[in-house]
Amino acid sequence: MAPVIAANPRVQELEGKIREVEDQRAALGRQLDKLADRLDQIGTRFEDLPAPFRELAAERRAAPAAP
């Protein structure tokens, strides 16, 4: 009975659609991983953003006042 079901064109069509959806799901998973990595990078850069300004402010405080 199983070979008859597997040979059914509708079953084959549905199996093909399932494979397509699984491929799409895998691709979306990879995109999500890339996006999460990128967001981590952006978060790190955002957290590091004030550092140059703190350094500049420290240099200005250490510099003698202009006449």
C-alpha atoms as a PDB file:
ATOM      1  CA  MET A   1       0.000   0.000   0.000  1.00  0.00           C
ATOM      2  CA  ALA A   2       2.834   2.453   0.825  1.00  0.00           C
ATOM      3  CA  PRO A   3       4.383   2.406  -2.690  1.00  0.00           C
ATOM      4  CA  VAL A   4       0.998   3.300  -4.158  1.00  0.00           C
ATOM      5  CA  ILE A   5       0.690   6.301  -1.865  1.00  0.00           C
ATOM      6  CA  ALA A   6       4.261   7.433  -2.570  1.00  0.00           C
ATOM      7  CA  ALA A   7       3.633   7.193  -6.310  1.00  0.00           C
ATOM      8  CA  ASN A   8       0.554   9.409  -6.078  1.00  0.00           C
ATOM      9  CA  PRO A   9       1.271  12.703  -7.891  1.00  0.00           C
ATOM     10  CA  ARG A  10      -0.441  14.721  -5.165  1.00  0.00           C
ATOM     11  CA  VAL A  11       1.761  13.132  -2.491  1.00  0.00           C
ATOM     12  CA  GLN A  12       4.851  13.853  -4.566  1.00  0.00           C
ATOM     13  CA  GLU A  13       3.731  17.457  -5.033  1.00  0.00           C
ATOM     14  CA  LEU A  14       3.206  17.882  -1.295  1.00  0.00           C
ATOM     15  CA  GLU A  15       6.591  16.315  -0.537  1.00  0.00           C
ATOM     16  CA  GLY A  16       8.202  18.761  -2.950  1.00  0.00           C
ATOM     17  CA  LYS A  17       6.476  21.672  -1.239  1.00  0.00           C
ATOM     18  CA  ILE A  18       7.635  20.403   2.145  1.00  0.00           C
ATOM     19  CA  ARG A  19      11.238  20.276   0.887  1.00  0.00           C
ATOM     20  CA  GLU A  20      10.923  23.844  -0.446  1.00  0.00           C
ATOM     21  CA  VAL A  21       9.557  25.102   2.864  1.00  0.00           C
ATOM     22  CA  GLU A  22      12.318  23.309   4.778  1.00  0.00           C
ATOM     23  CA  ASP A  23      14.907  24.945   2.521  1.00  0.00           C
ATOM     24  CA  GLN A  24      13.299  28.349   3.061  1.00  0.00           C
ATOM     25  CA  ARG A  25      13.234  27.758   6.803  1.00  0.00           C
ATOM     26  CA  ALA A  26      16.929  26.869   6.801  1.00  0.00           C
ATOM     27  CA  ALA A  27      17.741  29.989   4.758  1.00  0.00           C
ATOM     28  CA  LEU A  28      15.739  32.168   7.138  1.00  0.00           C
ATOM     29  CA  GLY A  29      17.549  30.598  10.076  1.00  0.00           C
ATOM     30  CA  ARG A  30      20.894  31.518   8.520  1.00  0.00           C
ATOM     31  CA  GLN A  31      19.675  35.070   7.854  1.00  0.00           C
ATOM     32  CA  LEU A  32      18.490  35.352  11.442  1.00  0.00           C
ATOM     33  CA  ASP A  33      21.889  34.223  12.718  1.00  0.00           C
ATOM     34  CA  LYS A  34      23.615  36.814  10.519  1.00  0.00           C
ATOM     35  CA  LEU A  35      21.229  39.501  11.718  1.00  0.00           C
ATOM     36  CA  ALA A  36      21.823  38.610  15.356  1.00  0.00           C
ATOM     37  CA  ASP A  37      25.595  38.809  14.813  1.00  0.00           C
ATOM     38  CA  ARG A  38      25.233  42.182  13.096  1.00  0.00           C
ATOM     39  CA  LEU A  39      23.054  43.516  15.904  1.00  0.00           C
ATOM     40  CA  ASP A  40      25.687  42.408  18.415  1.00  0.00           C
ATOM     41  CA  GLN A  41      28.326  44.299  16.429  1.00  0.00           C
ATOM     42  CA  ILE A  42      26.147  47.411  16.302  1.00  0.00           C
ATOM     43  CA  GLY A  43      25.498  47.156  20.049  1.00  0.00           C
ATOM     44  CA  THR A  44      29.212  46.910  20.780  1.00  0.00           C
ATOM     45  CA  ARG A  45      29.977  49.910  18.578  1.00  0.00           C
ATOM     46  CA  PHE A  46      27.203  51.894  20.242  1.00  0.00           C
ATOM     47  CA  GLU A  47      28.580  51.089  23.679  1.00  0.00           C
ATOM     48  CA  ASP A  48      32.082  52.122  22.533  1.00  0.00           C
ATOM     49  CA  LEU A  49      30.830  55.386  21.023  1.00  0.00           C
ATOM     50  CA  PRO A  50      31.353  57.626  24.116  1.00  0.00           C
ATOM     51  CA  ALA A  51      35.006  56.559  24.596  1.00  0.00           C
ATOM     52  CA  PRO A  52      36.576  59.021  22.106  1.00  0.00           C
ATOM     53  CA  PHE A  53      34.535  61.858  23.583  1.00  0.00           C
ATOM     54  CA  ARG A  54      35.677  60.987  27.111  1.00  0.00           C
ATOM     55  CA  GLU A  55      39.277  60.971  25.876  1.00  0.00           C
ATOM     56  CA  LEU A  56      38.796  64.342  24.171  1.00  0.00           C
ATOM     57  CA  ALA A  57      37.232  65.823  27.305  1.00  0.00           C
ATOM     58  CA  ALA A  58      40.117  64.520  29.426  1.00  0.00           C
ATOM     59  CA  GLU A  59      42.639  66.068  27.016  1.00  0.00           C
ATOM     60  CA  ARG A  60      40.852  69.409  27.176  1.00  0.00           C
ATOM     61  CA  ARG A  61      40.810  69.358  30.978  1.00  0.00           C
ATOM     62  CA  ALA A  62      44.532  68.541  31.053  1.00  0.00           C
ATOM     63  CA  ALA A  63      45.481  71.239  28.526  1.00  0.00           C
ATOM     64  CA  PRO A  64      46.391  74.687  29.899  1.00  0.00           C
ATOM     65  CA  ALA A  65      43.819  77.406  29.334  1.00  0.00           C
ATOM     66  CA  ALA A  66      44.350  79.543  26.240  1.00  0.00           C
ATOM     67  CA  PRO A  67      45.467  83.150  26.958  1.00  0.00           C
END
